[in-house]
């Protein structure tokens, strides 16, 4: 368990070895595997970088670029509409607009939580790894309005294109991915993709006002 002081917050590489490579290829594969950070290491490094950038009031584009390395917006957007088989049918001709809005909303909520949170502690409790997937468990302790609060936050990460990315966040047992899928599914059924996009635009405006 690793403990660090941070502002509190609101994914094993399979190496193939040629049969003709012999010991040298095996050694190279082992070396490459050791050089690949674990999901926990990757998450911790990325999150701490974002916290430092926020603290230093870094330019928006630099901050956005770092957050975008951590969160897999496209996958989350597809999953929220029922996955690849249902996605295109549900978002119709406005898929790109929907993805952009949802990605922006996720990013802004993540950064808002860091900016507004009181100073607290984050404990990195460990990780559970299954092939190219992992769950990084953390515990966040912070003071809010004079009371100490504790959140159990887990990050579901996948190893994609040589790096770990976050595809779900589970806060005290509540899954962001499942919540989006339920809420967005209902909105699309009742109001269509236009209604969902309008709601995302309104939510983004509310987040901007709160800042």
Protein backbone atom coordinates (compact mmCIF):
# COMPACT_ATOMS: atom_id res chain seq x y z
CA UNK A 1 0.00 0.00 0.00
CA UNK A 2 1.38 3.36 -1.05
CA UNK A 3 0.27 6.58 0.63
CA UNK A 4 0.87 10.02 -0.78
CA UNK A 5 -0.41 13.52 -0.18
CA UNK A 6 -2.56 14.72 -3.06
CA UNK A 7 -5.69 16.66 -3.84
CA UNK A 8 -8.36 13.91 -3.84
CA UNK A 9 -10.09 12.97 -7.12
CA UNK A 10 -13.88 13.46 -9.24
CA UNK A 11 -6.23 -0.55 -17.30
CA UNK A 12 -0.04 -7.37 -18.48
CA UNK A 13 1.35 -6.86 -21.74
CA UNK A 14 1.39 -10.16 -23.70
CA UNK A 15 4.77 -10.56 -25.34
CA UNK A 16 5.20 -13.00 -28.21
CA UNK A 17 8.60 -14.65 -28.68
CA UNK A 18 9.68 -16.02 -32.03
CA UNK A 19 10.52 -19.71 -31.97
CA UNK A 20 13.62 -18.78 -33.93
CA UNK A 21 14.75 -16.12 -31.48
CA UNK A 22 16.25 -18.41 -28.89
CA UNK A 23 17.56 -17.09 -25.58
CA UNK A 24 18.25 -13.63 -26.92
CA UNK A 25 14.63 -13.09 -27.99
CA UNK A 26 13.37 -14.42 -24.69
CA UNK A 27 15.65 -12.03 -22.84
CA UNK A 28 14.50 -9.12 -24.98
CA UNK A 29 10.86 -9.96 -24.32
CA UNK A 30 11.49 -10.18 -20.58
CA UNK A 31 13.33 -6.87 -20.64
CA UNK A 32 10.47 -5.20 -22.56
CA UNK A 33 7.91 -6.61 -20.13
CA UNK A 34 9.87 -5.29 -17.15
CA UNK A 35 10.09 -1.86 -18.81
CA UNK A 36 6.30 -1.66 -19.10
CA UNK A 37 4.81 0.06 -16.04
CA UNK A 38 2.07 -1.70 -14.12
CA UNK A 39 -1.44 -0.26 -14.24
CA UNK A 40 -0.97 1.13 -10.74
CA UNK A 41 2.36 2.73 -11.61
CA UNK A 42 0.94 4.22 -14.81
CA UNK A 43 -2.14 5.60 -13.10
CA UNK A 44 -0.20 7.05 -10.18
CA UNK A 45 2.31 8.78 -12.47
CA UNK A 46 -0.39 10.24 -14.71
CA UNK A 47 -2.63 11.39 -11.88
CA UNK A 48 0.20 13.02 -9.97
CA UNK A 49 1.25 14.85 -13.14
CA UNK A 50 -2.27 16.21 -13.58
CA UNK A 51 -2.41 17.33 -9.94
CA UNK A 52 0.93 19.11 -10.32
CA UNK A 53 -0.20 20.84 -13.52
CA UNK A 54 -3.40 22.04 -11.85
CA UNK A 55 -1.41 23.30 -8.86
CA UNK A 56 0.99 25.18 -11.16
CA UNK A 57 -1.90 26.65 -13.17
CA UNK A 58 -0.56 25.11 -16.39
CA UNK A 59 -1.98 26.20 -19.78
CA UNK A 60 -5.30 24.53 -20.65
CA UNK A 61 -3.92 22.71 -23.70
CA UNK A 62 -1.08 21.13 -21.71
CA UNK A 63 -3.44 20.08 -18.96
CA UNK A 64 -5.95 18.66 -21.43
CA UNK A 65 -3.27 16.65 -23.23
CA UNK A 66 -2.22 14.95 -19.99
CA UNK A 67 -5.77 14.13 -18.90
CA UNK A 68 -6.54 12.76 -22.37
CA UNK A 69 -3.68 10.28 -22.00
CA UNK A 70 -5.35 8.84 -18.91
CA UNK A 71 -9.04 8.60 -19.88
CA UNK A 72 -10.37 6.57 -22.84
CA UNK A 73 -13.26 8.83 -23.83
CA UNK A 74 -14.11 7.01 -27.07
CA UNK A 75 -14.53 3.64 -25.37
CA UNK A 76 -16.63 5.17 -22.59
CA UNK A 77 -18.83 6.94 -25.15
CA UNK A 78 -19.42 3.71 -27.10
CA UNK A 79 -20.12 1.68 -23.96
CA UNK A 80 -22.59 4.28 -22.69
CA UNK A 81 -24.77 3.69 -25.76
CA UNK A 82 -24.70 -0.09 -25.45
CA UNK A 83 -21.41 -1.00 -27.14
CA UNK A 84 -20.17 -1.25 -30.71
CA UNK A 85 -23.20 -3.13 -32.12
CA UNK A 86 -25.70 -0.52 -30.95
CA UNK A 87 -23.57 2.62 -30.98
CA UNK A 88 -23.91 3.87 -34.58
CA UNK A 89 -27.65 3.18 -34.64
CA UNK A 90 -28.24 5.15 -31.45
CA UNK A 91 -26.13 8.22 -32.16
CA UNK A 92 -27.03 8.27 -35.88
CA UNK A 93 -25.49 11.23 -37.72
CA UNK A 94 -24.35 12.97 -34.53
CA UNK A 95 -21.84 10.40 -33.23
CA UNK A 96 -18.81 12.70 -33.48
CA UNK A 97 -20.63 15.54 -31.71
CA UNK A 98 -21.82 13.21 -28.95
CA UNK A 99 -18.31 11.78 -28.40
CA UNK A 100 -16.75 15.23 -28.24
CA UNK A 101 -19.29 16.53 -25.74
CA UNK A 102 -19.09 13.51 -23.46
CA UNK A 103 -15.30 13.54 -23.54
CA UNK A 104 -15.26 17.21 -22.63
CA UNK A 105 -17.72 16.65 -19.79
CA UNK A 106 -15.71 13.76 -18.32
CA UNK A 107 -12.50 15.79 -18.55
CA UNK A 108 -14.00 18.90 -16.98
CA UNK A 109 -15.58 16.97 -14.10
CA UNK A 110 -12.26 15.23 -13.42
CA UNK A 111 -10.38 18.53 -13.35
CA UNK A 112 -13.09 20.30 -11.37
CA UNK A 113 -12.86 17.69 -8.65
CA UNK A 114 -9.12 18.19 -8.41
CA UNK A 115 -9.35 22.00 -8.39
CA UNK A 116 -12.10 22.24 -5.78
CA UNK A 117 -11.19 19.43 -3.44
CA UNK A 118 -9.61 20.12 -0.10
CA UNK A 119 -6.12 18.81 0.44
CA UNK A 120 -6.29 15.20 1.52
CA UNK A 121 -4.54 11.89 1.15
CA UNK A 122 -4.76 9.18 -1.48
CA UNK A 123 -3.77 5.63 -0.58
CA UNK A 124 -2.87 3.37 -3.50
CA UNK A 125 -4.11 0.05 -2.16
CA UNK A 126 -2.97 -2.18 -5.01
CA UNK A 127 -4.10 -3.62 -8.30
CA UNK A 128 -5.84 -6.72 -9.66
CA UNK A 129 -4.54 -7.74 -13.08
CA UNK A 130 -6.09 -10.13 -15.58
CA UNK A 131 -4.17 -10.26 -18.86
CA UNK A 132 -4.60 -6.82 -20.44
CA UNK A 133 -7.07 -5.52 -17.85
CA UNK A 134 -6.55 -4.24 -14.32
CA UNK A 135 -8.40 -2.59 -11.46
CA UNK A 136 -6.43 -0.05 -9.46
CA UNK A 137 -7.87 0.47 -5.98
CA UNK A 138 -7.44 3.69 -4.04
CA UNK A 139 -8.81 5.23 -0.87
CA UNK A 140 -9.30 8.99 -0.70
CA UNK A 141 -9.52 10.76 2.67
CA UNK A 142 -10.31 14.47 2.83
CA UNK A 143 -12.03 17.15 4.87
CA UNK A 144 -15.23 18.75 3.65
CA UNK A 145 -17.04 21.38 5.67
CA UNK A 146 -15.23 20.30 8.81
CA UNK A 147 -15.96 16.60 8.43
CA UNK A 148 -13.57 13.84 7.40
CA UNK A 149 -14.81 11.86 4.41
CA UNK A 150 -13.45 8.65 2.93
CA UNK A 151 -14.09 7.41 -0.61
CA UNK A 152 -13.13 4.05 -2.08
CA UNK A 153 -12.29 4.76 -5.72
CA UNK A 154 -11.26 2.09 -8.24
CA UNK A 155 -10.03 2.68 -11.77
CA UNK A 156 -10.69 -0.01 -14.37
CA UNK A 157 -7.83 0.13 -16.85
CA UNK A 158 -7.03 -1.63 -20.14
CA UNK A 159 -3.67 -2.00 -21.86
CA UNK A 160 -4.20 -0.52 -25.34
CA UNK A 161 -1.59 0.37 -27.95
CA UNK A 162 1.27 0.07 -25.49
CA UNK A 163 -0.20 2.02 -22.58
CA UNK A 164 -2.73 1.77 -19.76
CA UNK A 165 -5.92 3.81 -20.13
CA UNK A 166 -8.90 4.23 -17.78
CA UNK A 167 -12.25 2.99 -19.05
CA UNK A 168 -14.33 3.08 -15.88
CA UNK A 169 -14.30 4.68 -12.45
CA UNK A 170 -16.06 3.01 -9.54
CA UNK A 171 -16.73 5.28 -6.55
CA UNK A 172 -17.97 3.56 -3.39
CA UNK A 173 -19.31 0.73 -5.52
CA UNK A 174 -21.05 2.96 -8.08
CA UNK A 175 -19.82 2.38 -11.65
CA UNK A 176 -19.57 5.43 -13.91
CA UNK A 177 -19.89 3.22 -17.00
CA UNK A 178 -23.04 1.47 -15.78
CA UNK A 179 -24.58 4.75 -14.65
CA UNK A 180 -23.99 6.34 -18.06
CA UNK A 181 -25.36 3.27 -19.85
CA UNK A 182 -28.59 3.31 -17.82
CA UNK A 183 -29.16 7.07 -17.94
CA UNK A 184 -28.16 7.59 -21.59
CA UNK A 185 -30.21 4.59 -22.72
CA UNK A 186 -33.32 6.02 -21.12
CA UNK A 187 -32.75 9.50 -22.56
CA UNK A 188 -32.18 8.17 -26.09
CA UNK A 189 -35.33 6.03 -25.88
CA UNK A 190 -37.42 8.97 -24.71
CA UNK A 191 -35.81 11.92 -26.49
CA UNK A 192 -33.49 10.52 -29.15
CA UNK A 193 -29.85 11.45 -29.68
CA UNK A 194 -30.83 15.12 -30.04
CA UNK A 195 -32.19 15.10 -26.49
CA UNK A 196 -29.03 13.48 -25.14
CA UNK A 197 -26.80 16.02 -26.87
CA UNK A 198 -28.90 18.89 -25.53
CA UNK A 199 -28.57 17.48 -22.02
CA UNK A 200 -24.79 17.13 -22.38
CA UNK A 201 -24.53 20.72 -23.60
CA UNK A 202 -26.57 21.94 -20.64
CA UNK A 203 -24.45 19.94 -18.21
CA UNK A 204 -21.26 21.39 -19.67
CA UNK A 205 -22.66 24.90 -19.30
CA UNK A 206 -23.52 24.18 -15.66
CA UNK A 207 -19.97 22.95 -15.01
CA UNK A 208 -18.55 26.13 -16.59
CA UNK A 209 -20.78 28.33 -14.44
CA UNK A 210 -19.73 26.51 -11.29
CA UNK A 211 -16.08 27.31 -12.05
